[in-house]
Amino acid sequence: MKRFDLRHLKDDFYERMVELVEKEITVDEVAIFLFEIGDFSAIQKSADVIKESGHDLMNSLKFNEVDWTIVVKKVDAAMQKERQDKIRQAKEEADKLVADAVEEEAK
């Protein structure tokens, strides 16, 4: 288990968080990331970023009045790709449904 303090990055920590998961921890290892809450949008966005990266978000909790922690478990490359493909497919299907609805509404 490794702990990373990303508070100094303020609301610009997402890319660094994924980079650390990819390069600094091994498969099945857990990382704890500490970041500033700000306007609370970082909480959902951090969960979304981890989900889109294909790794496991194991926990997300308030650390103190201004900081938040998330716990991430790195998965193997095959599982990561499978998850990313499913997310991409779901987005494409959702976009198609929206496009179809807009087209139908225009008729």
PDB file of N, CA and C in Angstrom:
ATOM      1  N   MET A   1       0.852  -1.173   0.000  1.00  0.00           N
ATOM      2  CA  MET A   1       0.000   0.000   0.000  1.00  0.00           C
ATOM      3  C   MET A   1       0.899   1.237   0.000  1.00  0.00           C
ATOM      4  N   LYS A   2       0.498   2.181  -0.864  1.00  0.00           N
ATOM      5  CA  LYS A   2       1.237   3.431  -0.922  1.00  0.00           C
ATOM      6  C   LYS A   2       0.261   4.583  -0.745  1.00  0.00           C
ATOM      7  N   ARG A   3       0.764   5.655  -0.182  1.00  0.00           N
ATOM      8  CA  ARG A   3      -0.047   6.860   0.064  1.00  0.00           C
ATOM      9  C   ARG A   3       0.555   8.011  -0.722  1.00  0.00           C
ATOM     10  N   PHE A   4      -0.334   8.762  -1.405  1.00  0.00           N
ATOM     11  CA  PHE A   4       0.121   9.895  -2.208  1.00  0.00           C
ATOM     12  C   PHE A   4      -0.666  11.134  -1.800  1.00  0.00           C
ATOM     13  N   ASP A   5       0.063  12.182  -1.483  1.00  0.00           N
ATOM     14  CA  ASP A   5      -0.549  13.454  -1.100  1.00  0.00           C
ATOM     15  C   ASP A   5      -0.597  14.354  -2.333  1.00  0.00           C
ATOM     16  N   LEU A   6      -1.810  14.596  -2.844  1.00  0.00           N
ATOM     17  CA  LEU A   6      -1.985  15.418  -4.040  1.00  0.00           C
ATOM     18  C   LEU A   6      -2.619  16.763  -3.721  1.00  0.00           C
ATOM     19  N   ARG A   7      -2.642  17.131  -2.444  1.00  0.00           N
ATOM     20  CA  ARG A   7      -3.273  18.390  -2.044  1.00  0.00           C
ATOM     21  C   ARG A   7      -2.623  19.605  -2.684  1.00  0.00           C
ATOM     22  N   HIS A   8      -1.333  19.552  -2.902  1.00  0.00           N
ATOM     23  CA  HIS A   8      -0.621  20.693  -3.486  1.00  0.00           C
ATOM     24  C   HIS A   8      -1.054  20.968  -4.933  1.00  0.00           C
ATOM     25  N   LEU A   9      -1.695  20.015  -5.581  1.00  0.00           N
ATOM     26  CA  LEU A   9      -2.139  20.187  -6.969  1.00  0.00           C
ATOM     27  C   LEU A   9      -3.518  20.837  -7.064  1.00  0.00           C
ATOM     28  N   LYS A  10      -4.129  21.093  -5.897  1.00  0.00           N
ATOM     29  CA  LYS A  10      -5.480  21.686  -5.831  1.00  0.00           C
ATOM     30  C   LYS A  10      -6.448  20.847  -6.672  1.00  0.00           C
ATOM     31  N   ASP A  11      -7.164  21.462  -7.635  1.00  0.00           N
ATOM     32  CA  ASP A  11      -8.165  20.744  -8.433  1.00  0.00           C
ATOM     33  C   ASP A  11      -7.588  20.204  -9.745  1.00  0.00           C
ATOM     34  N   ASP A  12      -6.271  20.083  -9.821  1.00  0.00           N
ATOM     35  CA  ASP A  12      -5.630  19.624 -11.043  1.00  0.00           C
ATOM     36  C   ASP A  12      -4.822  18.351 -10.764  1.00  0.00           C
ATOM     37  N   PHE A  13      -5.418  17.417 -10.050  1.00  0.00           N
ATOM     38  CA  PHE A  13      -4.689  16.227  -9.621  1.00  0.00           C
ATOM     39  C   PHE A  13      -5.056  14.958 -10.377  1.00  0.00           C
ATOM     40  N   TYR A  14      -6.073  14.990 -11.213  1.00  0.00           N
ATOM     41  CA  TYR A  14      -6.619  13.775 -11.829  1.00  0.00           C
ATOM     42  C   TYR A  14      -5.596  13.046 -12.702  1.00  0.00           C
ATOM     43  N   GLU A  15      -4.948  13.774 -13.579  1.00  0.00           N
ATOM     44  CA  GLU A  15      -3.960  13.155 -14.471  1.00  0.00           C
ATOM     45  C   GLU A  15      -2.814  12.549 -13.664  1.00  0.00           C
ATOM     46  N   ARG A  16      -2.361  13.258 -12.657  1.00  0.00           N
ATOM     47  CA  ARG A  16      -1.262  12.758 -11.822  1.00  0.00           C
ATOM     48  C   ARG A  16      -1.696  11.514 -11.048  1.00  0.00           C
ATOM     49  N   MET A  17      -2.932  11.498 -10.587  1.00  0.00           N
ATOM     50  CA  MET A  17      -3.437  10.342  -9.843  1.00  0.00           C
ATOM     51  C   MET A  17      -3.404   9.086 -10.723  1.00  0.00           C
ATOM     52  N   VAL A  18      -3.898   9.183 -11.950  1.00  0.00           N
ATOM     53  CA  VAL A  18      -3.893   8.034 -12.857  1.00  0.00           C
ATOM     54  C   VAL A  18      -2.460   7.631 -13.197  1.00  0.00           C
ATOM     55  N   GLU A  19      -1.602   8.618 -13.409  1.00  0.00           N
ATOM     56  CA  GLU A  19      -0.194   8.329 -13.693  1.00  0.00           C
ATOM     57  C   GLU A  19       0.440   7.544 -12.543  1.00  0.00           C
ATOM     58  N   LEU A  20       0.161   7.931 -11.315  1.00  0.00           N
ATOM     59  CA  LEU A  20       0.713   7.220 -10.161  1.00  0.00           C
ATOM     60  C   LEU A  20       0.188   5.789 -10.082  1.00  0.00           C
ATOM     61  N   VAL A  21      -1.087   5.595 -10.365  1.00  0.00           N
ATOM     62  CA  VAL A  21      -1.643   4.235 -10.364  1.00  0.00           C
ATOM     63  C   VAL A  21      -0.928   3.394 -11.417  1.00  0.00           C
ATOM     64  N   GLU A  22      -0.762   3.962 -12.593  1.00  0.00           N
ATOM     65  CA  GLU A  22      -0.148   3.217 -13.695  1.00  0.00           C
ATOM     66  C   GLU A  22       1.331   2.912 -13.462  1.00  0.00           C
ATOM     67  N   LYS A  23       2.064   3.848 -12.871  1.00  0.00           N
ATOM     68  CA  LYS A  23       3.521   3.712 -12.807  1.00  0.00           C
ATOM     69  C   LYS A  23       4.098   3.391 -11.436  1.00  0.00           C
ATOM     70  N   GLU A  24       3.396   3.722 -10.358  1.00  0.00           N
ATOM     71  CA  GLU A  24       4.001   3.610  -9.035  1.00  0.00           C
ATOM     72  C   GLU A  24       3.473   2.474  -8.169  1.00  0.00           C
ATOM     73  N   ILE A  25       2.397   1.835  -8.610  1.00  0.00           N
ATOM     74  CA  ILE A  25       1.914   0.695  -7.828  1.00  0.00           C
ATOM     75  C   ILE A  25       1.797  -0.523  -8.738  1.00  0.00           C
ATOM     76  N   THR A  26       1.831  -1.687  -8.134  1.00  0.00           N
ATOM     77  CA  THR A  26       1.768  -2.931  -8.894  1.00  0.00           C
ATOM     78  C   THR A  26       0.333  -3.450  -8.928  1.00  0.00           C
ATOM     79  N   VAL A  27       0.081  -4.402  -9.808  1.00  0.00           N
ATOM     80  CA  VAL A  27      -1.238  -5.008  -9.926  1.00  0.00           C
ATOM     81  C   VAL A  27      -1.645  -5.591  -8.576  1.00  0.00           C
ATOM     82  N   ASP A  28      -2.885  -5.340  -8.194  1.00  0.00           N
ATOM     83  CA  ASP A  28      -3.478  -5.771  -6.923  1.00  0.00           C
ATOM     84  C   ASP A  28      -2.974  -4.974  -5.715  1.00  0.00           C
ATOM     85  N   GLU A  29      -2.101  -4.004  -5.934  1.00  0.00           N
ATOM     86  CA  GLU A  29      -1.663  -3.134  -4.848  1.00  0.00           C
ATOM     87  C   GLU A  29      -2.668  -1.996  -4.687  1.00  0.00           C
ATOM     88  N   VAL A  30      -2.741  -1.464  -3.480  1.00  0.00           N
ATOM     89  CA  VAL A  30      -3.685  -0.404  -3.149  1.00  0.00           C
ATOM     90  C   VAL A  30      -2.932   0.904  -2.936  1.00  0.00           C
ATOM     91  N   ALA A  31      -3.550   1.986  -3.428  1.00  0.00           N
ATOM     92  CA  ALA A  31      -2.987   3.328  -3.224  1.00  0.00           C
ATOM     93  C   ALA A  31      -4.037   4.196  -2.555  1.00  0.00           C
ATOM     94  N   ILE A  32      -3.581   5.034  -1.656  1.00  0.00           N
ATOM     95  CA  ILE A  32      -4.448   6.010  -0.997  1.00  0.00           C
ATOM     96  C   ILE A  32      -4.043   7.388  -1.510  1.00  0.00           C
ATOM     97  N   PHE A  33      -5.028   8.119  -2.025  1.00  0.00           N
ATOM     98  CA  PHE A  33      -4.781   9.465  -2.540  1.00  0.00           C
ATOM     99  C   PHE A  33      -5.486  10.481  -1.669  1.00  0.00           C
ATOM    100  N   LEU A  34      -4.760  11.491  -1.292  1.00  0.00           N
ATOM    101  CA  LEU A  34      -5.290  12.579  -0.475  1.00  0.00           C
ATOM    102  C   LEU A  34      -5.344  13.831  -1.343  1.00  0.00           C
ATOM    103  N   PHE A  35      -6.527  14.483  -1.386  1.00  0.00           N
ATOM    104  CA  PHE A  35      -6.666  15.705  -2.173  1.00  0.00           C
ATOM    105  C   PHE A  35      -7.612  16.664  -1.480  1.00  0.00           C
ATOM    106  N   GLU A  36      -7.575  17.931  -1.893  1.00  0.00           N
ATOM    107  CA  GLU A  36      -8.452  18.952  -1.313  1.00  0.00           C
ATOM    108  C   GLU A  36      -9.843  18.845  -1.911  1.00  0.00           C
ATOM    109  N   ILE A  37     -10.854  19.027  -1.081  1.00  0.00           N
ATOM    110  CA  ILE A  37     -12.236  18.910  -1.524  1.00  0.00           C
ATOM    111  C   ILE A  37     -12.632  20.059  -2.436  1.00  0.00           C
ATOM    112  N   GLY A  38     -12.317  21.285  -2.080  1.00  0.00           N
ATOM    113  CA  GLY A  38     -12.742  22.429  -2.885  1.00  0.00           C
ATOM    114  C   GLY A  38     -14.260  22.555  -2.878  1.00  0.00           C
ATOM    115  N   ASP A  39     -14.854  22.587  -4.065  1.00  0.00           N
ATOM    116  CA  ASP A  39     -16.312  22.750  -4.164  1.00  0.00           C
ATOM    117  C   ASP A  39     -17.054  21.403  -4.216  1.00  0.00           C
ATOM    118  N   PHE A  40     -16.436  20.336  -3.863  1.00  0.00           N
ATOM    119  CA  PHE A  40     -16.977  18.986  -3.809  1.00  0.00           C
ATOM    120  C   PHE A  40     -17.096  18.317  -5.182  1.00  0.00           C
ATOM    121  N   SER A  41     -16.926  19.041  -6.281  1.00  0.00           N
ATOM    122  CA  SER A  41     -17.001  18.405  -7.597  1.00  0.00           C
ATOM    123  C   SER A  41     -15.828  17.435  -7.797  1.00  0.00           C
ATOM    124  N   ALA A  42     -14.728  17.673  -7.103  1.00  0.00           N
ATOM    125  CA  ALA A  42     -13.559  16.800  -7.235  1.00  0.00           C
ATOM    126  C   ALA A  42     -13.844  15.385  -6.740  1.00  0.00           C
ATOM    127  N   ILE A  43     -14.775  15.253  -5.834  1.00  0.00           N
ATOM    128  CA  ILE A  43     -15.086  13.930  -5.283  1.00  0.00           C
ATOM    129  C   ILE A  43     -15.672  13.037  -6.367  1.00  0.00           C
ATOM    130  N   GLN A  44     -16.727  13.494  -7.026  1.00  0.00           N
ATOM    131  CA  GLN A  44     -17.336  12.692  -8.087  1.00  0.00           C
ATOM    132  C   GLN A  44     -16.397  12.539  -9.265  1.00  0.00           C
ATOM    133  N   LYS A  45     -15.705  13.615  -9.621  1.00  0.00           N
ATOM    134  CA  LYS A  45     -14.803  13.549 -10.766  1.00  0.00           C
ATOM    135  C   LYS A  45     -13.673  12.553 -10.511  1.00  0.00           C
ATOM    136  N   SER A  46     -13.147  12.507  -9.302  1.00  0.00           N
ATOM    137  CA  SER A  46     -12.069  11.555  -9.006  1.00  0.00           C
ATOM    138  C   SER A  46     -12.573  10.124  -9.139  1.00  0.00           C
ATOM    139  N   ALA A  47     -13.795   9.866  -8.689  1.00  0.00           N
ATOM    140  CA  ALA A  47     -14.388   8.529  -8.835  1.00  0.00           C
ATOM    141  C   ALA A  47     -14.577   8.193 -10.306  1.00  0.00           C
ATOM    142  N   ASP A  48     -15.054   9.164 -11.080  1.00  0.00           N
ATOM    143  CA  ASP A  48     -15.257   8.949 -12.516  1.00  0.00           C
ATOM    144  C   ASP A  48     -13.943   8.680 -13.235  1.00  0.00           C
ATOM    145  N   VAL A  49     -12.905   9.417 -12.879  1.00  0.00           N
ATOM    146  CA  VAL A  49     -11.604   9.247 -13.515  1.00  0.00           C
ATOM    147  C   VAL A  49     -11.054   7.851 -13.240  1.00  0.00           C
ATOM    148  N   ILE A  50     -11.170   7.395 -12.013  1.00  0.00           N
ATOM    149  CA  ILE A  50     -10.687   6.048 -11.681  1.00  0.00           C
ATOM    150  C   ILE A  50     -11.506   4.995 -12.414  1.00  0.00           C
ATOM    151  N   LYS A  51     -12.816   5.151 -12.451  1.00  0.00           N
ATOM    152  CA  LYS A  51     -13.666   4.199 -13.166  1.00  0.00           C
ATOM    153  C   LYS A  51     -13.279   4.139 -14.638  1.00  0.00           C
ATOM    154  N   GLU A  52     -13.096   5.302 -15.260  1.00  0.00           N
ATOM    155  CA  GLU A  52     -12.726   5.357 -16.674  1.00  0.00           C
ATOM    156  C   GLU A  52     -11.340   4.776 -16.933  1.00  0.00           C
ATOM    157  N   SER A  53     -10.466   4.832 -15.926  1.00  0.00           N
ATOM    158  CA  SER A  53      -9.125   4.262 -16.100  1.00  0.00           C
ATOM    159  C   SER A  53      -9.154   2.738 -16.006  1.00  0.00           C
ATOM    160  N   GLY A  54     -10.265   2.184 -15.488  1.00  0.00           N
ATOM    161  CA  GLY A  54     -10.419   0.731 -15.421  1.00  0.00           C
ATOM    162  C   GLY A  54      -9.972   0.100 -14.123  1.00  0.00           C
ATOM    163  N   HIS A  55      -9.566   0.901 -13.150  1.00  0.00           N
ATOM    164  CA  HIS A  55      -9.121   0.360 -11.868  1.00  0.00           C
ATOM    165  C   HIS A  55     -10.269   0.366 -10.862  1.00  0.00           C
ATOM    166  N   ASP A  56     -10.045  -0.231  -9.693  1.00  0.00           N
ATOM    167  CA  ASP A  56     -11.080  -0.347  -8.664  1.00  0.00           C
ATOM    168  C   ASP A  56     -11.022   0.814  -7.683  1.00  0.00           C
ATOM    169  N   LEU A  57     -12.140   1.519  -7.537  1.00  0.00           N
ATOM    170  CA  LEU A  57     -12.273   2.506  -6.470  1.00  0.00           C
ATOM    171  C   LEU A  57     -12.826   1.749  -5.272  1.00  0.00           C
ATOM    172  N   MET A  58     -12.030   1.633  -4.235  1.00  0.00           N
ATOM    173  CA  MET A  58     -12.409   0.804  -3.095  1.00  0.00           C
ATOM    174  C   MET A  58     -13.067   1.603  -1.976  1.00  0.00           C
ATOM    175  N   ASN A  59     -12.713   2.888  -1.869  1.00  0.00           N
ATOM    176  CA  ASN A  59     -13.263   3.698  -0.794  1.00  0.00           C
ATOM    177  C   ASN A  59     -13.078   5.170  -1.133  1.00  0.00           C
ATOM    178  N   SER A  60     -13.961   5.982  -0.608  1.00  0.00           N
ATOM    179  CA  SER A  60     -13.897   7.421  -0.789  1.00  0.00           C
ATOM    180  C   SER A  60     -14.476   8.031   0.472  1.00  0.00           C
ATOM    181  N   LEU A  61     -13.680   8.826   1.185  1.00  0.00           N
ATOM    182  CA  LEU A  61     -14.192   9.385   2.431  1.00  0.00           C
ATOM    183  C   LEU A  61     -13.532  10.693   2.806  1.00  0.00           C
ATOM    184  N   LYS A  62     -14.258  11.429   3.597  1.00  0.00           N
ATOM    185  CA  LYS A  62     -13.769  12.713   4.071  1.00  0.00           C
ATOM    186  C   LYS A  62     -12.668  12.469   5.099  1.00  0.00           C
ATOM    187  N   PHE A  63     -11.546  13.137   4.920  1.00  0.00           N
ATOM    188  CA  PHE A  63     -10.403  12.955   5.802  1.00  0.00           C
ATOM    189  C   PHE A  63     -10.448  13.940   6.954  1.00  0.00           C
ATOM    190  N   ASN A  64     -10.741  15.187   6.636  1.00  0.00           N
ATOM    191  CA  ASN A  64     -10.906  16.230   7.644  1.00  0.00           C
ATOM    192  C   ASN A  64     -11.779  17.321   7.022  1.00  0.00           C
ATOM    193  N   GLU A  65     -11.759  18.513   7.524  1.00  0.00           N
ATOM    194  CA  GLU A  65     -12.650  19.563   7.020  1.00  0.00           C
ATOM    195  C   GLU A  65     -12.373  19.987   5.587  1.00  0.00           C
ATOM    196  N   VAL A  66     -11.147  19.849   5.110  1.00  0.00           N
ATOM    197  CA  VAL A  66     -10.824  20.329   3.763  1.00  0.00           C
ATOM    198  C   VAL A  66     -10.244  19.258   2.836  1.00  0.00           C
ATOM    199  N   ASP A  67     -10.002  18.072   3.334  1.00  0.00           N
ATOM    200  CA  ASP A  67      -9.346  17.044   2.527  1.00  0.00           C
ATOM    201  C   ASP A  67     -10.213  15.799   2.380  1.00  0.00           C
ATOM    202  N   TRP A  68      -9.948  15.072   1.309  1.00  0.00           N
ATOM    203  CA  TRP A  68     -10.680  13.852   0.991  1.00  0.00           C
ATOM    204  C   TRP A  68      -9.675  12.776   0.634  1.00  0.00           C
ATOM    205  N   THR A  69     -10.002  11.518   0.879  1.00  0.00           N
ATOM    206  CA  THR A  69      -9.142  10.414   0.455  1.00  0.00           C
ATOM    207  C   THR A  69      -9.941   9.449  -0.407  1.00  0.00           C
ATOM    208  N   ILE A  70      -9.257   8.868  -1.375  1.00  0.00           N
ATOM    209  CA  ILE A  70      -9.830   7.745  -2.103  1.00  0.00           C
ATOM    210  C   ILE A  70      -8.807   6.619  -2.084  1.00  0.00           C
ATOM    211  N   VAL A  71      -9.323   5.410  -2.075  1.00  0.00           N
ATOM    212  CA  VAL A  71      -8.481   4.222  -2.066  1.00  0.00           C
ATOM    213  C   VAL A  71      -8.714   3.502  -3.386  1.00  0.00           C
ATOM    214  N   VAL A  72      -7.631   3.240  -4.102  1.00  0.00           N
ATOM    215  CA  VAL A  72      -7.701   2.664  -5.444  1.00  0.00           C
ATOM    216  C   VAL A  72      -6.863   1.392  -5.491  1.00  0.00           C
ATOM    217  N   LYS A  73      -7.415   0.370  -6.115  1.00  0.00           N
ATOM    218  CA  LYS A  73      -6.678  -0.879  -6.315  1.00  0.00           C
ATOM    219  C   LYS A  73      -6.398  -1.032  -7.806  1.00  0.00           C
ATOM    220  N   LYS A  74      -5.141  -1.255  -8.135  1.00  0.00           N
ATOM    221  CA  LYS A  74      -4.749  -1.414  -9.533  1.00  0.00           C
ATOM    222  C   LYS A  74      -5.136  -2.812 -10.014  1.00  0.00           C
ATOM    223  N   VAL A  75      -5.742  -2.878 -11.203  1.00  0.00           N
ATOM    224  CA  VAL A  75      -6.100  -4.164 -11.796  1.00  0.00           C
ATOM    225  C   VAL A  75      -5.136  -4.482 -12.928  1.00  0.00           C
ATOM    226  N   ASP A  76      -5.158  -5.735 -13.382  1.00  0.00           N
ATOM    227  CA  ASP A  76      -4.253  -6.118 -14.466  1.00  0.00           C
ATOM    228  C   ASP A  76      -4.701  -5.504 -15.788  1.00  0.00           C
ATOM    229  N   ALA A  77      -3.805  -5.507 -16.761  1.00  0.00           N
ATOM    230  CA  ALA A  77      -4.033  -4.829 -18.033  1.00  0.00           C
ATOM    231  C   ALA A  77      -5.244  -5.388 -18.782  1.00  0.00           C
ATOM    232  N   ALA A  78      -5.457  -6.688 -18.730  1.00  0.00           N
ATOM    233  CA  ALA A  78      -6.592  -7.292 -19.440  1.00  0.00           C
ATOM    234  C   ALA A  78      -7.918  -6.813 -18.851  1.00  0.00           C
ATOM    235  N   MET A  79      -8.027  -6.810 -17.534  1.00  0.00           N
ATOM    236  CA  MET A  79      -9.247  -6.345 -16.867  1.00  0.00           C
ATOM    237  C   MET A  79      -9.450  -4.852 -17.119  1.00  0.00           C
ATOM    238  N   GLN A  80      -8.379  -4.101 -17.075  1.00  0.00           N
ATOM    239  CA  GLN A  80      -8.452  -2.662 -17.312  1.00  0.00           C
ATOM    240  C   GLN A  80      -8.985  -2.393 -18.716  1.00  0.00           C
ATOM    241  N   LYS A  81      -8.451  -3.086 -19.723  1.00  0.00           N
ATOM    242  CA  LYS A  81      -8.899  -2.883 -21.104  1.00  0.00           C
ATOM    243  C   LYS A  81     -10.357  -3.292 -21.268  1.00  0.00           C
ATOM    244  N   GLU A  82     -10.738  -4.408 -20.667  1.00  0.00           N
ATOM    245  CA  GLU A  82     -12.127  -4.875 -20.745  1.00  0.00           C
ATOM    246  C   GLU A  82     -13.085  -3.827 -20.178  1.00  0.00           C
ATOM    247  N   ARG A  83     -12.734  -3.264 -19.044  1.00  0.00           N
ATOM    248  CA  ARG A  83     -13.581  -2.240 -18.421  1.00  0.00           C
ATOM    249  C   ARG A  83     -13.643  -0.968 -19.267  1.00  0.00           C
ATOM    250  N   GLN A  84     -12.501  -0.555 -19.777  1.00  0.00           N
ATOM    251  CA  GLN A  84     -12.480   0.648 -20.609  1.00  0.00           C
ATOM    252  C   GLN A  84     -13.297   0.450 -21.882  1.00  0.00           C
ATOM    253  N   ASP A  85     -13.228  -0.747 -22.464  1.00  0.00           N
ATOM    254  CA  ASP A  85     -14.025  -1.042 -23.660  1.00  0.00           C
ATOM    255  C   ASP A  85     -15.522  -0.986 -23.347  1.00  0.00           C
ATOM    256  N   LYS A  86     -15.919  -1.519 -22.204  1.00  0.00           N
ATOM    257  CA  LYS A  86     -17.329  -1.480 -21.806  1.00  0.00           C
ATOM    258  C   LYS A  86     -17.810  -0.047 -21.599  1.00  0.00           C
ATOM    259  N   ILE A  87     -16.986   0.770 -20.983  1.00  0.00           N
ATOM    260  CA  ILE A  87     -17.349   2.175 -20.771  1.00  0.00           C
ATOM    261  C   ILE A  87     -17.482   2.893 -22.105  1.00  0.00           C
ATOM    262  N   ARG A  88     -16.533   2.653 -23.002  1.00  0.00           N
ATOM    263  CA  ARG A  88     -16.571   3.285 -24.323  1.00  0.00           C
ATOM    264  C   ARG A  88     -17.826   2.847 -25.088  1.00  0.00           C
ATOM    265  N   GLN A  89     -18.146   1.573 -25.025  1.00  0.00           N
ATOM    266  CA  GLN A  89     -19.330   1.047 -25.709  1.00  0.00           C
ATOM    267  C   GLN A  89     -20.607   1.657 -25.126  1.00  0.00           C
ATOM    268  N   ALA A  90     -20.679   1.758 -23.820  1.00  0.00           N
ATOM    269  CA  ALA A  90     -21.855   2.345 -23.177  1.00  0.00           C
ATOM    270  C   ALA A  90     -22.024   3.804 -23.574  1.00  0.00           C
ATOM    271  N   LYS A  91     -20.927   4.544 -23.663  1.00  0.00           N
ATOM    272  CA  LYS A  91     -20.991   5.948 -24.079  1.00  0.00           C
ATOM    273  C   LYS A  91     -21.472   6.062 -25.518  1.00  0.00           C
ATOM    274  N   GLU A  92     -20.958   5.191 -26.386  1.00  0.00           N
ATOM    275  CA  GLU A  92     -21.380   5.213 -27.790  1.00  0.00           C
ATOM    276  C   GLU A  92     -22.868   4.913 -27.914  1.00  0.00           C
ATOM    277  N   GLU A  93     -23.347   3.933 -27.156  1.00  0.00           N
ATOM    278  CA  GLU A  93     -24.769   3.587 -27.183  1.00  0.00           C
ATOM    279  C   GLU A  93     -25.625   4.741 -26.661  1.00  0.00           C
ATOM    280  N   ALA A  94     -25.164   5.389 -25.605  1.00  0.00           N
ATOM    281  CA  ALA A  94     -25.906   6.533 -25.054  1.00  0.00           C
ATOM    282  C   ALA A  94     -25.936   7.685 -26.050  1.00  0.00           C
ATOM    283  N   ASP A  95     -24.815   7.947 -26.698  1.00  0.00           N
ATOM    284  CA  ASP A  95     -24.769   9.008 -27.709  1.00  0.00           C
ATOM    285  C   ASP A  95     -25.712   8.706 -28.866  1.00  0.00           C
ATOM    286  N   LYS A  96     -25.779   7.450 -29.275  1.00  0.00           N
ATOM    287  CA  LYS A  96     -26.670   7.057 -30.365  1.00  0.00           C
ATOM    288  C   LYS A  96     -28.127   7.240 -29.957  1.00  0.00           C
ATOM    289  N   LEU A  97     -28.468   6.865 -28.728  1.00  0.00           N
ATOM    290  CA  LEU A  97     -29.839   7.047 -28.245  1.00  0.00           C
ATOM    291  C   LEU A  97     -30.225   8.523 -28.231  1.00  0.00           C
ATOM    292  N   VAL A  98     -29.308   9.366 -27.803  1.00  0.00           N
ATOM    293  CA  VAL A  98     -29.579  10.812 -27.780  1.00  0.00           C
ATOM    294  C   VAL A  98     -29.757  11.331 -29.206  1.00  0.00           C
ATOM    295  N   ALA A  99     -28.877  10.929 -30.098  1.00  0.00           N
ATOM    296  CA  ALA A  99     -28.973  11.361 -31.502  1.00  0.00           C
ATOM    297  C   ALA A  99     -30.294  10.901 -32.115  1.00  0.00           C
ATOM    298  N   ASP A 100     -30.690   9.658 -31.841  1.00  0.00           N
ATOM    299  CA  ASP A 100     -31.952   9.143 -32.355  1.00  0.00           C
ATOM    300  C   ASP A 100     -33.137   9.923 -31.799  1.00  0.00           C
ATOM    301  N   ALA A 101     -33.086  10.253 -30.523  1.00  0.00           N
ATOM    302  CA  ALA A 101     -34.175  11.011 -29.893  1.00  0.00           C
ATOM    303  C   ALA A 101     -34.273  12.398 -30.477  1.00  0.00           C
ATOM    304  N   VAL A 102     -33.140  13.037 -30.718  1.00  0.00           N
ATOM    305  CA  VAL A 102     -33.135  14.378 -31.306  1.00  0.00           C
ATOM    306  C   VAL A 102     -33.692  14.315 -32.724  1.00  0.00           C
ATOM    307  N   GLU A 103     -33.277  13.315 -33.472  1.00  0.00           N
ATOM    308  CA  GLU A 103     -33.770  13.147 -34.833  1.00  0.00           C
ATOM    309  C   GLU A 103     -35.272  12.885 -34.858  1.00  0.00           C
ATOM    310  N   GLU A 104     -35.736  12.061 -33.952  1.00  0.00           N
ATOM    311  CA  GLU A 104     -37.162  11.739 -33.859  1.00  0.00           C
ATOM    312  C   GLU A 104     -37.973  12.979 -33.475  1.00  0.00           C
ATOM    313  N   GLU A 105     -37.434  13.777 -32.588  1.00  0.00           N
ATOM    314  CA  GLU A 105     -38.097  14.988 -32.149  1.00  0.00           C
ATOM    315  C   GLU A 105     -38.196  16.022 -33.268  1.00  0.00           C
ATOM    316  N   ALA A 106     -37.198  16.023 -34.142  1.00  0.00           N
ATOM    317  CA  ALA A 106     -37.164  16.976 -35.243  1.00  0.00           C
ATOM    318  C   ALA A 106     -38.197  16.664 -36.317  1.00  0.00           C
ATOM    319  N   LYS A 107     -38.701  15.439 -36.338  1.00  0.00           N
ATOM    320  CA  LYS A 107     -39.685  15.024 -37.357  1.00  0.00           C
ATOM    321  C   LYS A 107     -41.042  15.581 -37.099  1.00  0.00           C
TER     322      LYS A 107
END
